[in-house]
Each structure stands twice: as structure tokens, then as C-alpha cells.
N, C-alpha and C. Protein backbone atom coordinates (compact mmCIF):
# COMPACT_ATOMS: atom_id res chain seq x y z
N MET A 1 -28.85 -5.06 -3.11
CA MET A 1 -27.78 -4.17 -2.72
C MET A 1 -27.25 -3.45 -3.96
N ARG A 2 -27.24 -2.13 -3.89
CA ARG A 2 -26.78 -1.32 -5.01
C ARG A 2 -25.34 -0.89 -4.76
N THR A 3 -24.49 -1.06 -5.76
CA THR A 3 -23.10 -0.66 -5.61
C THR A 3 -22.82 0.58 -6.44
N GLU A 4 -21.96 1.43 -5.91
CA GLU A 4 -21.55 2.63 -6.64
C GLU A 4 -20.45 2.25 -7.62
N PRO A 5 -20.50 2.81 -8.85
CA PRO A 5 -19.43 2.52 -9.79
C PRO A 5 -18.12 3.16 -9.33
N LEU A 6 -17.06 2.38 -9.33
CA LEU A 6 -15.74 2.86 -8.95
C LEU A 6 -14.85 2.90 -10.18
N ILE A 7 -13.99 3.90 -10.24
CA ILE A 7 -13.06 4.05 -11.35
C ILE A 7 -11.64 3.88 -10.81
N HIS A 8 -10.87 3.01 -11.47
CA HIS A 8 -9.49 2.78 -11.08
C HIS A 8 -8.65 3.98 -11.53
N VAL A 9 -7.94 4.61 -10.59
CA VAL A 9 -7.13 5.78 -10.92
C VAL A 9 -5.64 5.52 -10.68
N GLY A 10 -5.26 4.27 -10.71
CA GLY A 10 -3.86 3.91 -10.63
C GLY A 10 -3.42 3.42 -9.27
N PHE A 11 -2.48 2.46 -9.31
CA PHE A 11 -1.81 1.96 -8.11
C PHE A 11 -2.77 1.38 -7.08
N GLY A 12 -3.83 0.73 -7.54
CA GLY A 12 -4.80 0.12 -6.64
C GLY A 12 -5.76 1.09 -5.98
N ASN A 13 -5.82 2.31 -6.47
CA ASN A 13 -6.72 3.33 -5.91
C ASN A 13 -7.94 3.51 -6.81
N TYR A 14 -9.10 3.70 -6.17
CA TYR A 14 -10.36 3.88 -6.88
C TYR A 14 -11.08 5.10 -6.34
N ILE A 15 -11.87 5.73 -7.21
CA ILE A 15 -12.73 6.83 -6.77
C ILE A 15 -14.16 6.53 -7.20
N SER A 16 -15.10 7.05 -6.46
CA SER A 16 -16.51 6.85 -6.76
C SER A 16 -16.93 7.75 -7.91
N LEU A 17 -17.40 7.15 -8.97
CA LEU A 17 -17.80 7.90 -10.16
C LEU A 17 -18.94 8.87 -9.85
N ASN A 18 -19.85 8.50 -8.99
CA ASN A 18 -21.00 9.34 -8.67
C ASN A 18 -20.64 10.59 -7.88
N ARG A 19 -19.45 10.65 -7.34
CA ARG A 19 -19.05 11.78 -6.50
C ARG A 19 -18.11 12.75 -7.21
N VAL A 20 -17.73 12.44 -8.44
CA VAL A 20 -16.80 13.28 -9.20
C VAL A 20 -17.54 14.45 -9.84
N ILE A 21 -16.99 15.64 -9.67
CA ILE A 21 -17.54 16.84 -10.30
C ILE A 21 -16.75 17.19 -11.55
N ALA A 22 -15.41 17.18 -11.45
CA ALA A 22 -14.57 17.54 -12.59
C ALA A 22 -13.22 16.87 -12.46
N ILE A 23 -12.58 16.66 -13.63
CA ILE A 23 -11.23 16.10 -13.68
C ILE A 23 -10.42 17.06 -14.55
N VAL A 24 -9.36 17.64 -13.99
CA VAL A 24 -8.59 18.66 -14.70
C VAL A 24 -7.10 18.37 -14.63
N THR A 25 -6.34 18.99 -15.53
CA THR A 25 -4.89 18.90 -15.48
C THR A 25 -4.37 19.91 -14.45
N PRO A 26 -3.27 19.60 -13.80
CA PRO A 26 -2.77 20.48 -12.73
C PRO A 26 -1.84 21.59 -13.20
N GLY A 27 -1.73 21.80 -14.51
CA GLY A 27 -0.73 22.73 -15.03
C GLY A 27 -1.01 24.20 -14.88
N SER A 28 -2.27 24.61 -14.84
CA SER A 28 -2.56 26.05 -14.82
C SER A 28 -2.35 26.65 -13.44
N ALA A 29 -2.06 27.92 -13.40
CA ALA A 29 -1.82 28.61 -12.13
C ALA A 29 -3.04 28.56 -11.20
N PRO A 30 -4.27 28.75 -11.70
CA PRO A 30 -5.41 28.68 -10.78
C PRO A 30 -5.58 27.31 -10.13
N ILE A 31 -5.35 26.24 -10.88
CA ILE A 31 -5.47 24.89 -10.31
C ILE A 31 -4.35 24.66 -9.31
N GLN A 32 -3.14 25.08 -9.64
CA GLN A 32 -2.03 24.94 -8.71
C GLN A 32 -2.31 25.69 -7.41
N ARG A 33 -2.92 26.85 -7.52
CA ARG A 33 -3.29 27.64 -6.34
C ARG A 33 -4.33 26.90 -5.51
N LEU A 34 -5.34 26.32 -6.16
CA LEU A 34 -6.35 25.55 -5.44
C LEU A 34 -5.73 24.36 -4.70
N VAL A 35 -4.79 23.69 -5.36
CA VAL A 35 -4.13 22.54 -4.73
C VAL A 35 -3.30 23.02 -3.53
N ARG A 36 -2.54 24.09 -3.71
CA ARG A 36 -1.71 24.62 -2.62
C ARG A 36 -2.58 25.03 -1.43
N ASP A 37 -3.68 25.76 -1.71
CA ASP A 37 -4.58 26.18 -0.64
C ASP A 37 -5.29 24.97 -0.02
N GLY A 38 -5.61 23.98 -0.85
CA GLY A 38 -6.26 22.77 -0.35
C GLY A 38 -5.38 21.99 0.60
N LYS A 39 -4.08 21.98 0.34
CA LYS A 39 -3.15 21.30 1.25
C LYS A 39 -3.16 21.97 2.62
N LYS A 40 -3.22 23.31 2.62
CA LYS A 40 -3.27 24.04 3.89
C LYS A 40 -4.56 23.76 4.64
N LYS A 41 -5.68 23.61 3.90
CA LYS A 41 -6.98 23.37 4.52
C LYS A 41 -7.21 21.90 4.87
N GLY A 42 -6.37 21.02 4.34
CA GLY A 42 -6.53 19.59 4.62
C GLY A 42 -7.60 18.90 3.79
N ILE A 43 -7.90 19.44 2.61
CA ILE A 43 -8.94 18.83 1.77
C ILE A 43 -8.36 18.03 0.61
N ILE A 44 -7.05 17.87 0.58
CA ILE A 44 -6.37 17.14 -0.49
C ILE A 44 -6.21 15.67 -0.08
N LYS A 45 -6.54 14.79 -1.03
CA LYS A 45 -6.24 13.37 -0.87
C LYS A 45 -5.25 13.01 -1.97
N ASP A 46 -4.03 12.73 -1.59
CA ASP A 46 -2.97 12.44 -2.56
C ASP A 46 -2.94 10.93 -2.78
N ILE A 47 -3.37 10.51 -3.97
CA ILE A 47 -3.36 9.08 -4.29
C ILE A 47 -2.39 8.79 -5.44
N THR A 48 -1.30 9.57 -5.48
CA THR A 48 -0.31 9.42 -6.54
C THR A 48 0.75 8.37 -6.22
N GLN A 49 0.79 7.91 -4.97
CA GLN A 49 1.82 6.96 -4.54
C GLN A 49 3.22 7.52 -4.79
N GLY A 50 3.38 8.82 -4.62
CA GLY A 50 4.68 9.45 -4.77
C GLY A 50 5.04 9.83 -6.20
N ARG A 51 4.17 9.53 -7.15
CA ARG A 51 4.42 9.88 -8.55
C ARG A 51 4.00 11.33 -8.80
N ARG A 52 4.30 11.80 -10.00
CA ARG A 52 3.92 13.15 -10.41
C ARG A 52 2.40 13.25 -10.57
N THR A 53 1.83 14.34 -10.12
CA THR A 53 0.38 14.56 -10.26
C THR A 53 0.07 14.91 -11.71
N LYS A 54 -0.81 14.12 -12.33
CA LYS A 54 -1.21 14.37 -13.71
C LYS A 54 -2.67 14.77 -13.82
N ALA A 55 -3.45 14.58 -12.74
CA ALA A 55 -4.86 14.98 -12.76
C ALA A 55 -5.29 15.40 -11.37
N VAL A 56 -6.17 16.38 -11.32
CA VAL A 56 -6.80 16.81 -10.08
C VAL A 56 -8.29 16.52 -10.24
N VAL A 57 -8.84 15.73 -9.32
CA VAL A 57 -10.24 15.34 -9.39
C VAL A 57 -11.00 16.09 -8.30
N PHE A 58 -11.99 16.88 -8.71
CA PHE A 58 -12.82 17.63 -7.77
C PHE A 58 -13.98 16.73 -7.37
N MET A 59 -14.17 16.55 -6.05
CA MET A 59 -15.22 15.68 -5.54
C MET A 59 -16.38 16.52 -5.00
N ASP A 60 -17.55 15.91 -4.87
CA ASP A 60 -18.75 16.64 -4.45
C ASP A 60 -18.73 17.08 -2.99
N ASP A 61 -17.81 16.54 -2.19
CA ASP A 61 -17.72 16.96 -0.79
C ASP A 61 -16.72 18.10 -0.60
N GLY A 62 -16.19 18.63 -1.71
CA GLY A 62 -15.25 19.74 -1.63
C GLY A 62 -13.79 19.32 -1.59
N SER A 63 -13.53 18.03 -1.52
CA SER A 63 -12.15 17.57 -1.48
C SER A 63 -11.58 17.48 -2.89
N LEU A 64 -10.25 17.45 -2.96
CA LEU A 64 -9.54 17.31 -4.22
C LEU A 64 -8.68 16.06 -4.14
N MET A 65 -8.75 15.24 -5.17
CA MET A 65 -7.93 14.03 -5.25
C MET A 65 -6.83 14.28 -6.27
N LEU A 66 -5.60 13.99 -5.91
CA LEU A 66 -4.47 14.12 -6.82
C LEU A 66 -4.16 12.73 -7.37
N ALA A 67 -4.23 12.57 -8.69
CA ALA A 67 -4.02 11.27 -9.32
C ALA A 67 -2.79 11.30 -10.21
N ALA A 68 -2.16 10.14 -10.38
CA ALA A 68 -0.94 10.03 -11.17
C ALA A 68 -1.21 9.58 -12.60
N ILE A 69 -2.47 9.52 -13.01
CA ILE A 69 -2.79 9.23 -14.40
C ILE A 69 -3.50 10.45 -15.00
N THR A 70 -3.48 10.55 -16.31
CA THR A 70 -4.00 11.74 -16.98
C THR A 70 -5.53 11.80 -16.93
N PRO A 71 -6.07 13.01 -17.06
CA PRO A 71 -7.53 13.14 -17.13
C PRO A 71 -8.12 12.34 -18.30
N GLU A 72 -7.38 12.27 -19.41
CA GLU A 72 -7.85 11.50 -20.56
C GLU A 72 -7.98 10.02 -20.23
N ALA A 73 -7.01 9.49 -19.49
CA ALA A 73 -7.05 8.08 -19.10
C ALA A 73 -8.23 7.82 -18.16
N ILE A 74 -8.45 8.73 -17.22
CA ILE A 74 -9.59 8.57 -16.31
C ILE A 74 -10.89 8.64 -17.09
N ALA A 75 -11.00 9.60 -18.02
CA ALA A 75 -12.22 9.74 -18.82
C ALA A 75 -12.46 8.48 -19.66
N GLY A 76 -11.41 7.90 -20.18
CA GLY A 76 -11.55 6.65 -20.95
C GLY A 76 -12.09 5.53 -20.08
N ARG A 77 -11.64 5.46 -18.84
CA ARG A 77 -12.13 4.44 -17.92
C ARG A 77 -13.58 4.69 -17.54
N VAL A 78 -13.96 5.97 -17.44
CA VAL A 78 -15.36 6.32 -17.17
C VAL A 78 -16.22 5.87 -18.34
N ARG A 79 -15.78 6.16 -19.57
CA ARG A 79 -16.54 5.74 -20.76
C ARG A 79 -16.66 4.23 -20.83
N ALA A 80 -15.59 3.52 -20.53
CA ALA A 80 -15.62 2.05 -20.55
C ALA A 80 -16.61 1.52 -19.52
N THR A 81 -16.64 2.14 -18.36
CA THR A 81 -17.57 1.73 -17.32
C THR A 81 -19.01 2.02 -17.74
N ALA A 82 -19.22 3.17 -18.38
CA ALA A 82 -20.56 3.53 -18.84
C ALA A 82 -21.08 2.56 -19.89
N ARG A 83 -20.17 2.04 -20.73
CA ARG A 83 -20.56 1.08 -21.74
C ARG A 83 -20.75 -0.32 -21.15
N GLY A 84 -20.34 -0.49 -19.91
CA GLY A 84 -20.47 -1.80 -19.28
C GLY A 84 -19.30 -2.72 -19.53
N ALA A 85 -18.23 -2.16 -20.08
CA ALA A 85 -17.04 -2.97 -20.35
C ALA A 85 -16.30 -3.26 -19.05
N VAL A 86 -15.64 -4.37 -19.00
CA VAL A 86 -14.84 -4.75 -17.86
C VAL A 86 -13.41 -4.32 -18.14
N GLU A 87 -12.82 -3.58 -17.22
CA GLU A 87 -11.45 -3.12 -17.40
C GLU A 87 -10.48 -4.19 -16.94
N VAL A 88 -9.42 -4.37 -17.71
CA VAL A 88 -8.38 -5.30 -17.34
C VAL A 88 -7.14 -4.50 -17.04
N GLU A 89 -6.57 -4.71 -15.88
CA GLU A 89 -5.37 -3.95 -15.48
C GLU A 89 -4.16 -4.82 -15.69
């Protein structure tokens, strides 16, 4: 049985590493527009647990995930997973 690598993105939420296309900060106007339009289309998955959005994760199915940790923190967890390190929360 093959398992997909999962990345912890805060508050007990995980995303599939194999399905991530890009991780960006939500500060620019074009990204804010994509998020606003995505909410209207129903393609947003808000996994911030009510916290401020610090990263927008673009998934391969066209959905956007809103995360409450920074893109740098997510990238660090991806690198740790790639090295085979076990993350301790």
C-alpha cells in the first residue's frame, strides 16, 4: 500500500504534497482577486480555523486552500518531508 505524503498546515489540517502546484502569499491584488472570485465559485477550502490567511495553496484540481501559516513554514515542512525527517508538532 502506497501512501501519499501529507504536509501539516496548522491546526490539525494536512494537504497532499503530490497535489500542490504553488504556495503563495495572499498580499498581492491579483491573488486577492483570485481568492475573492474563488469564494464566489466555491473552489476555496478555508483551513485557517478562523485565523488570518498567511498562505494560499493552489491545488491540481483547481481549488485554493487558505492556510494560517506562512509559505516559508510550509516549504520548510516540505523540505523536511523530502529529507525523510519526522516532524514534531
